[in-house]
Amino acid sequence: MWLADLIGGLAVLVLGFAVVFFSWQLPYMSEYGPGPGFLPRWIGFGIVGCALVVIIKVLRKHDKSGAFFKPLTKMGVKALILIIIAFLLFPLLGFSVGLGLFVGVSMRVMGKHGWISCGITAVVTAIAIHYIFAGWLSIPLPTGLIGW
């Protein structure tokens, strides 16, 4: 498990440095106070700090044995893959339909629910997202090729 923790810590460290680097491109201060680069820069520093703590703890561990993944880590990897696929499909399907499918597929893959309950939940989620955001709140959502 220590190797997985080390890899995860290094990945988060790279993410933190990326946040700091890209936030440095934004103005730190504006005319009226903190600018658009203020919060991301400090969040990036926080991410780097937390990643360094994890990496140091892992490197100080004397017991370097154990499985690479804990049992629930596989579920986390599945969730990450589903999120990536959903974000890649949003431009094609639109936000409402994409989020509805994400919820239904996530229920099936992660929770082992039946196909009928997953399908009903996906349809209800897509309709609810569409009418709450686009209709009631008048917030335009990406529609994709489907137009919903």
N, C-alpha and C. Protein backbone atom coordinates (compact mmCIF):
# COMPACT_ATOMS: atom_id res chain seq x y z
N MET A 1 0.82 -1.20 0.00
CA MET A 1 0.00 0.00 0.00
C MET A 1 0.86 1.26 0.00
N TRP A 2 2.06 1.15 0.50
CA TRP A 2 2.90 2.35 0.59
C TRP A 2 3.23 2.89 -0.80
N LEU A 3 3.37 2.02 -1.79
CA LEU A 3 3.68 2.47 -3.15
C LEU A 3 2.50 3.24 -3.73
N ALA A 4 1.29 2.76 -3.51
CA ALA A 4 0.11 3.47 -3.99
C ALA A 4 0.00 4.83 -3.31
N ASP A 5 0.28 4.88 -2.01
CA ASP A 5 0.26 6.16 -1.29
C ASP A 5 1.32 7.12 -1.83
N LEU A 6 2.48 6.59 -2.13
CA LEU A 6 3.55 7.42 -2.68
C LEU A 6 3.17 7.96 -4.06
N ILE A 7 2.64 7.11 -4.91
CA ILE A 7 2.22 7.54 -6.24
C ILE A 7 1.10 8.58 -6.14
N GLY A 8 0.15 8.33 -5.25
CA GLY A 8 -0.93 9.29 -5.05
C GLY A 8 -0.42 10.62 -4.52
N GLY A 9 0.49 10.57 -3.57
CA GLY A 9 1.07 11.80 -3.04
C GLY A 9 1.82 12.59 -4.10
N LEU A 10 2.56 11.89 -4.94
CA LEU A 10 3.30 12.56 -6.02
C LEU A 10 2.35 13.16 -7.05
N ALA A 11 1.28 12.45 -7.35
CA ALA A 11 0.29 12.97 -8.30
C ALA A 11 -0.37 14.24 -7.76
N VAL A 12 -0.71 14.23 -6.49
CA VAL A 12 -1.32 15.41 -5.88
C VAL A 12 -0.31 16.55 -5.80
N LEU A 13 0.95 16.23 -5.57
CA LEU A 13 1.99 17.25 -5.55
C LEU A 13 2.10 17.93 -6.92
N VAL A 14 2.08 17.14 -7.98
CA VAL A 14 2.13 17.70 -9.34
C VAL A 14 0.90 18.57 -9.59
N LEU A 15 -0.27 18.11 -9.15
CA LEU A 15 -1.49 18.89 -9.29
C LEU A 15 -1.36 20.22 -8.56
N GLY A 16 -0.85 20.19 -7.34
CA GLY A 16 -0.68 21.41 -6.56
C GLY A 16 0.26 22.40 -7.24
N PHE A 17 1.37 21.89 -7.77
CA PHE A 17 2.30 22.76 -8.49
C PHE A 17 1.64 23.34 -9.75
N ALA A 18 0.82 22.55 -10.42
CA ALA A 18 0.12 23.04 -11.62
C ALA A 18 -0.85 24.16 -11.25
N VAL A 19 -1.56 24.00 -10.14
CA VAL A 19 -2.49 25.04 -9.69
C VAL A 19 -1.73 26.32 -9.37
N VAL A 20 -0.61 26.19 -8.66
CA VAL A 20 0.19 27.37 -8.33
C VAL A 20 0.72 28.02 -9.60
N PHE A 21 1.24 27.22 -10.53
CA PHE A 21 1.81 27.76 -11.76
C PHE A 21 0.76 28.53 -12.56
N PHE A 22 -0.40 27.92 -12.77
CA PHE A 22 -1.41 28.58 -13.59
C PHE A 22 -2.07 29.74 -12.88
N SER A 23 -2.16 29.70 -11.55
CA SER A 23 -2.73 30.84 -10.83
C SER A 23 -1.76 32.02 -10.84
N TRP A 24 -0.48 31.76 -11.03
CA TRP A 24 0.51 32.82 -11.11
C TRP A 24 0.29 33.66 -12.36
N GLN A 25 -0.39 33.11 -13.35
CA GLN A 25 -0.67 33.83 -14.59
C GLN A 25 -1.79 34.86 -14.40
N LEU A 26 -2.56 34.73 -13.32
CA LEU A 26 -3.68 35.63 -13.06
C LEU A 26 -3.25 36.74 -12.10
N PRO A 27 -3.90 37.89 -12.17
CA PRO A 27 -3.55 38.98 -11.25
C PRO A 27 -3.84 38.59 -9.80
N TYR A 28 -2.87 38.84 -8.93
CA TYR A 28 -3.01 38.48 -7.52
C TYR A 28 -3.94 39.48 -6.81
N MET A 29 -3.83 40.74 -7.16
CA MET A 29 -4.66 41.78 -6.55
C MET A 29 -5.42 42.51 -7.65
N SER A 30 -6.57 43.03 -7.29
CA SER A 30 -7.34 43.85 -8.22
C SER A 30 -7.55 45.22 -7.59
N GLU A 31 -8.32 46.02 -8.24
CA GLU A 31 -8.55 47.39 -7.76
C GLU A 31 -9.25 47.41 -6.41
N TYR A 32 -10.12 46.43 -6.17
CA TYR A 32 -10.94 46.44 -4.96
C TYR A 32 -10.55 45.40 -3.93
N GLY A 33 -9.48 44.67 -4.14
CA GLY A 33 -9.06 43.65 -3.18
C GLY A 33 -8.39 42.50 -3.88
N PRO A 34 -8.53 41.31 -3.33
CA PRO A 34 -7.89 40.14 -3.95
C PRO A 34 -8.39 39.91 -5.37
N GLY A 35 -7.46 39.57 -6.24
CA GLY A 35 -7.79 39.34 -7.64
C GLY A 35 -8.12 37.88 -7.91
N PRO A 36 -8.30 37.54 -9.17
CA PRO A 36 -8.68 36.17 -9.53
C PRO A 36 -7.58 35.14 -9.28
N GLY A 37 -6.34 35.57 -9.06
CA GLY A 37 -5.27 34.63 -8.79
C GLY A 37 -5.02 34.40 -7.32
N PHE A 38 -5.68 35.17 -6.46
CA PHE A 38 -5.42 35.08 -5.02
C PHE A 38 -5.80 33.72 -4.45
N LEU A 39 -7.06 33.33 -4.57
CA LEU A 39 -7.54 32.08 -3.97
C LEU A 39 -6.90 30.84 -4.60
N PRO A 40 -6.83 30.74 -5.94
CA PRO A 40 -6.20 29.54 -6.51
C PRO A 40 -4.75 29.38 -6.09
N ARG A 41 -4.03 30.49 -5.95
CA ARG A 41 -2.62 30.39 -5.56
C ARG A 41 -2.49 29.80 -4.17
N TRP A 42 -3.32 30.28 -3.23
CA TRP A 42 -3.23 29.78 -1.86
C TRP A 42 -3.77 28.35 -1.74
N ILE A 43 -4.78 28.03 -2.53
CA ILE A 43 -5.26 26.64 -2.56
C ILE A 43 -4.16 25.73 -3.09
N GLY A 44 -3.46 26.18 -4.14
CA GLY A 44 -2.35 25.41 -4.69
C GLY A 44 -1.25 25.18 -3.66
N PHE A 45 -0.92 26.23 -2.90
CA PHE A 45 0.09 26.07 -1.85
C PHE A 45 -0.40 25.06 -0.80
N GLY A 46 -1.68 25.11 -0.46
CA GLY A 46 -2.23 24.15 0.49
C GLY A 46 -2.18 22.72 -0.03
N ILE A 47 -2.47 22.55 -1.31
CA ILE A 47 -2.40 21.21 -1.91
C ILE A 47 -0.97 20.70 -1.88
N VAL A 48 -0.01 21.56 -2.23
CA VAL A 48 1.40 21.17 -2.21
C VAL A 48 1.81 20.78 -0.79
N GLY A 49 1.41 21.57 0.19
CA GLY A 49 1.76 21.27 1.59
C GLY A 49 1.20 19.94 2.06
N CYS A 50 -0.07 19.69 1.75
CA CYS A 50 -0.68 18.42 2.15
C CYS A 50 -0.02 17.23 1.45
N ALA A 51 0.30 17.41 0.17
CA ALA A 51 0.96 16.33 -0.56
C ALA A 51 2.34 16.04 0.03
N LEU A 52 3.06 17.08 0.41
CA LEU A 52 4.37 16.86 1.02
C LEU A 52 4.26 16.11 2.35
N VAL A 53 3.25 16.42 3.14
CA VAL A 53 3.03 15.69 4.39
C VAL A 53 2.80 14.21 4.12
N VAL A 54 1.96 13.91 3.13
CA VAL A 54 1.67 12.51 2.79
C VAL A 54 2.94 11.80 2.31
N ILE A 55 3.69 12.46 1.43
CA ILE A 55 4.91 11.85 0.88
C ILE A 55 5.92 11.59 1.98
N ILE A 56 6.10 12.55 2.89
CA ILE A 56 7.06 12.37 3.99
C ILE A 56 6.62 11.22 4.89
N LYS A 57 5.33 11.13 5.20
CA LYS A 57 4.84 10.03 6.04
C LYS A 57 5.09 8.68 5.36
N VAL A 58 4.85 8.63 4.05
CA VAL A 58 5.04 7.37 3.33
C VAL A 58 6.51 6.99 3.32
N LEU A 59 7.38 7.95 3.08
CA LEU A 59 8.81 7.64 3.01
C LEU A 59 9.39 7.25 4.37
N ARG A 60 8.77 7.71 5.45
CA ARG A 60 9.25 7.34 6.79
C ARG A 60 8.73 5.99 7.26
N LYS A 61 7.76 5.45 6.56
CA LYS A 61 7.19 4.16 6.93
C LYS A 61 8.24 3.07 6.81
N HIS A 62 8.35 2.25 7.81
CA HIS A 62 9.33 1.17 7.79
C HIS A 62 8.78 -0.08 7.12
N ASP A 63 7.48 -0.30 7.26
CA ASP A 63 6.85 -1.47 6.66
C ASP A 63 6.44 -1.13 5.23
N LYS A 64 7.15 -1.66 4.29
CA LYS A 64 6.87 -1.36 2.89
C LYS A 64 6.21 -2.55 2.19
N SER A 65 5.45 -3.32 2.94
CA SER A 65 4.77 -4.47 2.36
C SER A 65 3.28 -4.17 2.27
N GLY A 66 2.56 -5.10 1.75
CA GLY A 66 1.12 -4.95 1.66
C GLY A 66 0.67 -4.86 0.21
N ALA A 67 -0.62 -4.96 0.03
CA ALA A 67 -1.20 -4.91 -1.30
C ALA A 67 -1.07 -3.50 -1.87
N PHE A 68 -1.03 -3.42 -3.18
CA PHE A 68 -0.92 -2.12 -3.83
C PHE A 68 -2.19 -1.31 -3.61
N PHE A 69 -3.34 -1.94 -3.72
CA PHE A 69 -4.61 -1.27 -3.51
C PHE A 69 -5.33 -1.84 -2.31
N LYS A 70 -5.99 -0.98 -1.56
CA LYS A 70 -6.94 -1.43 -0.55
C LYS A 70 -8.22 -1.81 -1.29
N PRO A 71 -9.09 -2.60 -0.67
CA PRO A 71 -10.29 -3.05 -1.39
C PRO A 71 -11.15 -1.91 -1.94
N LEU A 72 -11.31 -0.81 -1.19
CA LEU A 72 -12.16 0.27 -1.67
C LEU A 72 -11.46 1.19 -2.67
N THR A 73 -10.16 1.02 -2.86
CA THR A 73 -9.45 1.84 -3.83
C THR A 73 -9.93 1.54 -5.24
N LYS A 74 -10.26 0.30 -5.51
CA LYS A 74 -10.77 -0.06 -6.84
C LYS A 74 -12.08 0.67 -7.12
N MET A 75 -12.91 0.84 -6.09
CA MET A 75 -14.15 1.58 -6.26
C MET A 75 -13.86 3.05 -6.56
N GLY A 76 -12.85 3.61 -5.92
CA GLY A 76 -12.46 4.99 -6.18
C GLY A 76 -11.94 5.17 -7.60
N VAL A 77 -11.18 4.20 -8.08
CA VAL A 77 -10.68 4.25 -9.46
C VAL A 77 -11.84 4.16 -10.44
N LYS A 78 -12.82 3.31 -10.16
CA LYS A 78 -14.00 3.22 -11.01
C LYS A 78 -14.73 4.56 -11.05
N ALA A 79 -14.88 5.19 -9.90
CA ALA A 79 -15.57 6.49 -9.85
C ALA A 79 -14.81 7.54 -10.65
N LEU A 80 -13.50 7.54 -10.54
CA LEU A 80 -12.69 8.49 -11.29
C LEU A 80 -12.84 8.27 -12.80
N ILE A 81 -12.84 7.03 -13.22
CA ILE A 81 -13.02 6.72 -14.65
C ILE A 81 -14.40 7.17 -15.13
N LEU A 82 -15.43 6.93 -14.31
CA LEU A 82 -16.78 7.37 -14.69
C LEU A 82 -16.86 8.89 -14.80
N ILE A 83 -16.20 9.61 -13.90
CA ILE A 83 -16.21 11.08 -13.95
C ILE A 83 -15.51 11.57 -15.22
N ILE A 84 -14.39 10.97 -15.55
CA ILE A 84 -13.66 11.38 -16.76
C ILE A 84 -14.51 11.12 -18.00
N ILE A 85 -15.13 9.96 -18.08
CA ILE A 85 -15.98 9.64 -19.23
C ILE A 85 -17.15 10.62 -19.32
N ALA A 86 -17.75 10.93 -18.17
CA ALA A 86 -18.89 11.85 -18.17
C ALA A 86 -18.48 13.23 -18.68
N PHE A 87 -17.34 13.73 -18.23
CA PHE A 87 -16.90 15.05 -18.69
C PHE A 87 -16.53 15.04 -20.17
N LEU A 88 -16.06 13.93 -20.67
CA LEU A 88 -15.76 13.84 -22.09
C LEU A 88 -17.04 13.78 -22.93
N LEU A 89 -18.11 13.23 -22.35
CA LEU A 89 -19.37 13.12 -23.08
C LEU A 89 -20.27 14.34 -22.95
N PHE A 90 -20.01 15.23 -22.01
CA PHE A 90 -20.86 16.42 -21.84
C PHE A 90 -21.00 17.24 -23.11
N PRO A 91 -19.92 17.52 -23.86
CA PRO A 91 -20.11 18.30 -25.09
C PRO A 91 -20.98 17.59 -26.13
N LEU A 92 -20.95 16.28 -26.14
CA LEU A 92 -21.74 15.52 -27.11
C LEU A 92 -23.20 15.37 -26.67
N LEU A 93 -23.41 15.01 -25.42
CA LEU A 93 -24.75 14.72 -24.92
C LEU A 93 -25.46 15.92 -24.31
N GLY A 94 -24.71 16.91 -23.84
CA GLY A 94 -25.29 18.00 -23.09
C GLY A 94 -25.18 17.71 -21.61
N PHE A 95 -25.34 18.75 -20.81
CA PHE A 95 -25.12 18.60 -19.37
C PHE A 95 -26.21 17.77 -18.71
N SER A 96 -27.46 18.04 -19.02
CA SER A 96 -28.57 17.33 -18.35
C SER A 96 -28.54 15.84 -18.65
N VAL A 97 -28.45 15.49 -19.92
CA VAL A 97 -28.44 14.08 -20.31
C VAL A 97 -27.16 13.42 -19.82
N GLY A 98 -26.03 14.10 -19.95
CA GLY A 98 -24.76 13.54 -19.49
C GLY A 98 -24.75 13.26 -18.00
N LEU A 99 -25.29 14.21 -17.22
CA LEU A 99 -25.33 14.01 -15.77
C LEU A 99 -26.32 12.91 -15.40
N GLY A 100 -27.44 12.84 -16.10
CA GLY A 100 -28.39 11.76 -15.86
C GLY A 100 -27.78 10.39 -16.11
N LEU A 101 -27.08 10.27 -17.25
CA LEU A 101 -26.40 9.00 -17.55
C LEU A 101 -25.31 8.69 -16.53
N PHE A 102 -24.58 9.72 -16.11
CA PHE A 102 -23.53 9.51 -15.11
C PHE A 102 -24.13 8.95 -13.82
N VAL A 103 -25.24 9.52 -13.38
CA VAL A 103 -25.88 9.05 -12.14
C VAL A 103 -26.35 7.61 -12.31
N GLY A 104 -27.01 7.30 -13.42
CA GLY A 104 -27.51 5.95 -13.63
C GLY A 104 -26.41 4.92 -13.73
N VAL A 105 -25.38 5.21 -14.51
CA VAL A 105 -24.26 4.27 -14.66
C VAL A 105 -23.50 4.13 -13.35
N SER A 106 -23.34 5.23 -12.62
CA SER A 106 -22.65 5.17 -11.33
C SER A 106 -23.41 4.29 -10.35
N MET A 107 -24.72 4.41 -10.34
CA MET A 107 -25.52 3.56 -9.47
C MET A 107 -25.32 2.09 -9.81
N ARG A 108 -25.28 1.78 -11.10
CA ARG A 108 -25.15 0.39 -11.53
C ARG A 108 -23.76 -0.16 -11.21
N VAL A 109 -22.73 0.63 -11.54
CA VAL A 109 -21.36 0.15 -11.38
C VAL A 109 -20.94 0.16 -9.91
N MET A 110 -21.27 1.19 -9.19
CA MET A 110 -20.78 1.34 -7.82
C MET A 110 -21.69 0.67 -6.80
N GLY A 111 -23.00 0.80 -7.00
CA GLY A 111 -23.92 0.33 -5.98
C GLY A 111 -24.61 -0.97 -6.30
N LYS A 112 -24.41 -1.50 -7.49
CA LYS A 112 -25.02 -2.77 -7.89
C LYS A 112 -26.54 -2.72 -7.83
N HIS A 113 -27.11 -1.58 -8.22
CA HIS A 113 -28.57 -1.46 -8.27
C HIS A 113 -29.08 -2.11 -9.54
N GLY A 114 -30.37 -2.37 -9.59
CA GLY A 114 -30.97 -2.98 -10.77
C GLY A 114 -31.06 -2.00 -11.93
N TRP A 115 -31.19 -2.57 -13.14
CA TRP A 115 -31.25 -1.75 -14.35
C TRP A 115 -32.44 -0.81 -14.34
N ILE A 116 -33.57 -1.28 -13.85
CA ILE A 116 -34.79 -0.45 -13.87
C ILE A 116 -34.63 0.76 -12.97
N SER A 117 -34.16 0.56 -11.76
CA SER A 117 -33.99 1.70 -10.85
C SER A 117 -32.92 2.66 -11.35
N CYS A 118 -31.88 2.13 -11.98
CA CYS A 118 -30.84 3.00 -12.54
C CYS A 118 -31.38 3.82 -13.69
N GLY A 119 -32.17 3.18 -14.56
CA GLY A 119 -32.76 3.89 -15.69
C GLY A 119 -33.73 4.97 -15.26
N ILE A 120 -34.58 4.64 -14.31
CA ILE A 120 -35.55 5.62 -13.81
C ILE A 120 -34.82 6.79 -13.16
N THR A 121 -33.82 6.51 -12.36
CA THR A 121 -33.06 7.57 -11.70
C THR A 121 -32.34 8.44 -12.72
N ALA A 122 -31.78 7.83 -13.76
CA ALA A 122 -31.09 8.61 -14.79
C ALA A 122 -32.05 9.55 -15.51
N VAL A 123 -33.24 9.06 -15.87
CA VAL A 123 -34.22 9.89 -16.57
C VAL A 123 -34.72 11.01 -15.66
N VAL A 124 -35.05 10.68 -14.42
CA VAL A 124 -35.54 11.70 -13.48
C VAL A 124 -34.46 12.74 -13.21
N THR A 125 -33.21 12.32 -13.08
CA THR A 125 -32.12 13.27 -12.86
C THR A 125 -31.96 14.21 -14.05
N ALA A 126 -31.97 13.67 -15.26
CA ALA A 126 -31.82 14.51 -16.45
C ALA A 126 -32.95 15.52 -16.56
N ILE A 127 -34.17 15.07 -16.34
CA ILE A 127 -35.33 15.98 -16.42
C ILE A 127 -35.26 17.03 -15.32
N ALA A 128 -34.94 16.60 -14.11
CA ALA A 128 -34.88 17.55 -12.98
C ALA A 128 -33.78 18.59 -13.20
N ILE A 129 -32.61 18.17 -13.62
CA ILE A 129 -31.51 19.10 -13.87
C ILE A 129 -31.92 20.11 -14.95
N HIS A 130 -32.53 19.61 -16.02
CA HIS A 130 -32.92 20.49 -17.12
C HIS A 130 -33.94 21.54 -16.66
N TYR A 131 -34.98 21.09 -15.98
CA TYR A 131 -36.03 22.03 -15.61
C TYR A 131 -35.64 22.94 -14.44
N ILE A 132 -34.85 22.45 -13.52
CA ILE A 132 -34.43 23.30 -12.40
C ILE A 132 -33.49 24.39 -12.89
N PHE A 133 -32.46 24.00 -13.64
CA PHE A 133 -31.46 24.99 -14.04
C PHE A 133 -31.90 25.81 -15.25
N ALA A 134 -32.33 25.16 -16.32
CA ALA A 134 -32.67 25.88 -17.54
C ALA A 134 -34.02 26.59 -17.41
N GLY A 135 -35.00 25.91 -16.82
CA GLY A 135 -36.33 26.50 -16.73
C GLY A 135 -36.53 27.43 -15.55
N TRP A 136 -36.35 26.90 -14.36
CA TRP A 136 -36.69 27.63 -13.14
C TRP A 136 -35.66 28.71 -12.83
N LEU A 137 -34.36 28.39 -12.88
CA LEU A 137 -33.32 29.34 -12.52
C LEU A 137 -32.80 30.15 -13.72
N SER A 138 -33.21 29.79 -14.91
CA SER A 138 -32.77 30.46 -16.15
C SER A 138 -31.26 30.47 -16.32
N ILE A 139 -30.64 29.37 -15.95
CA ILE A 139 -29.19 29.21 -16.13
C ILE A 139 -28.98 28.34 -17.36
N PRO A 140 -28.38 28.89 -18.39
CA PRO A 140 -28.19 28.08 -19.60
C PRO A 140 -27.13 26.98 -19.36
N LEU A 141 -27.47 25.78 -19.70
CA LEU A 141 -26.57 24.64 -19.57
C LEU A 141 -26.11 24.22 -20.96
N PRO A 142 -24.91 23.65 -21.07
CA PRO A 142 -24.49 23.15 -22.38
C PRO A 142 -25.45 22.09 -22.88
N THR A 143 -25.87 22.23 -24.14
CA THR A 143 -26.89 21.33 -24.66
C THR A 143 -26.33 20.19 -25.48
N GLY A 144 -25.19 20.34 -26.08
CA GLY A 144 -24.63 19.25 -26.89
C GLY A 144 -25.41 19.03 -28.17
N LEU A 145 -25.20 17.89 -28.79
CA LEU A 145 -25.86 17.59 -30.05
C LEU A 145 -27.33 17.23 -29.88
N ILE A 146 -27.68 16.74 -28.73
CA ILE A 146 -29.06 16.32 -28.48
C ILE A 146 -29.98 17.53 -28.31
N GLY A 147 -29.43 18.63 -27.81
CA GLY A 147 -30.22 19.84 -27.62
C GLY A 147 -30.91 19.90 -26.29
N TRP A 148 -30.46 19.07 -25.35
CA TRP A 148 -31.08 19.05 -24.03
C TRP A 148 -30.04 19.15 -23.00
